[in-house]
Amino acid sequence: MKIKEIREHSDDQLVIELREIERRLFDMRTQGATEKIEATSELKKLRRDVARIKTVIRERQLKAQAATA
C-alpha cells in the first residue's frame, strides 16, 4: 500500500487496516515457525505497511495537538 493511499483513509479506517495487517503478519510469523513460507517478501511488505500506517496516524495526532495548542 502506498503512502498516498493511506493518507486518503479516515482515522477509523486506518486503525481497522492496521489491525488486519498486524493479524496477517502474526499469522505469517506463526506459519514461518511451523512450516515454510513461500512468499517471505510478504513479511517485509507487511512490516513496512504497518510502519506507514503508524506514521500517518502519528502525523495526524501531532497536527491535532498543534491546532489545539
Protein backbone atom coordinates (compact mmCIF):
# COMPACT_ATOMS: atom_id res chain seq x y z
CA MET A 1 0.00 0.00 0.00
CA LYS A 2 1.34 3.41 -0.91
CA ILE A 3 1.51 6.34 1.49
CA LYS A 4 -0.79 8.37 -0.76
CA GLU A 5 -3.48 5.69 -0.47
CA ILE A 6 -3.03 5.54 3.29
CA ARG A 7 -3.45 9.29 3.69
CA GLU A 8 -6.81 9.11 1.88
CA HIS A 9 -8.25 6.84 4.60
CA SER A 10 -10.00 8.15 7.68
CA ASP A 11 -8.59 7.57 11.16
CA ASP A 12 -11.05 4.77 11.86
CA GLN A 13 -10.24 3.04 8.59
CA LEU A 14 -6.53 3.27 9.38
CA VAL A 15 -6.98 1.62 12.76
CA ILE A 16 -9.00 -1.19 11.20
CA GLU A 17 -6.44 -1.65 8.42
CA LEU A 18 -3.62 -1.66 10.98
CA ARG A 19 -5.30 -4.42 12.98
CA GLU A 20 -5.85 -6.51 9.85
CA ILE A 21 -2.25 -6.16 8.70
CA GLU A 22 -0.86 -6.92 12.16
CA ARG A 23 -3.06 -10.02 12.29
CA ARG A 24 -1.79 -11.18 8.87
CA LEU A 25 1.77 -10.50 9.99
CA PHE A 26 1.23 -12.57 13.14
CA ASP A 27 -0.27 -15.42 11.12
CA MET A 28 2.66 -15.39 8.70
CA ARG A 29 5.19 -15.41 11.54
CA THR A 30 3.38 -18.34 13.12
CA GLN A 31 3.34 -20.12 9.78
CA GLY A 32 7.06 -19.46 9.43
CA ALA A 33 7.73 -21.10 12.78
CA THR A 34 5.72 -24.20 11.95
CA GLU A 35 6.27 -24.60 8.21
CA LYS A 36 8.00 -22.98 5.30
CA ILE A 37 6.63 -19.69 3.99
CA GLU A 38 6.58 -19.42 0.22
CA ALA A 39 6.35 -15.63 -0.01
CA THR A 40 8.92 -14.39 2.51
CA SER A 41 8.97 -10.97 0.87
CA GLU A 42 5.38 -10.52 2.05
CA LEU A 43 6.65 -10.19 5.64
CA LYS A 44 8.78 -7.21 4.68
CA LYS A 45 5.90 -5.59 2.80
CA LEU A 46 3.54 -6.04 5.74
CA ARG A 47 6.05 -4.59 8.21
CA ARG A 48 6.51 -1.55 6.00
CA ASP A 49 2.74 -1.10 5.66
CA VAL A 50 2.43 -1.17 9.46
CA ALA A 51 5.13 1.49 9.74
CA ARG A 52 3.48 3.68 7.10
CA ILE A 53 0.08 3.49 8.78
CA LYS A 54 1.53 4.24 12.22
CA THR A 55 3.42 7.20 10.76
CA VAL A 56 0.27 8.71 9.25
CA ILE A 57 -1.66 8.18 12.50
CA ARG A 58 1.10 9.91 14.47
CA GLU A 59 1.29 12.80 11.99
CA ARG A 60 -2.43 13.37 12.42
CA GLN A 61 -2.12 13.27 16.22
CA LEU A 62 0.66 15.86 16.16
CA LYS A 63 -1.29 18.07 13.77
CA ALA A 64 -4.33 17.91 16.07
CA GLN A 65 -2.19 18.80 19.10
CA ALA A 66 -0.66 21.75 17.28
CA ALA A 67 -4.09 23.00 16.29
CA THR A 68 -5.33 22.95 19.89
CA ALA A 69 -2.18 24.48 21.39
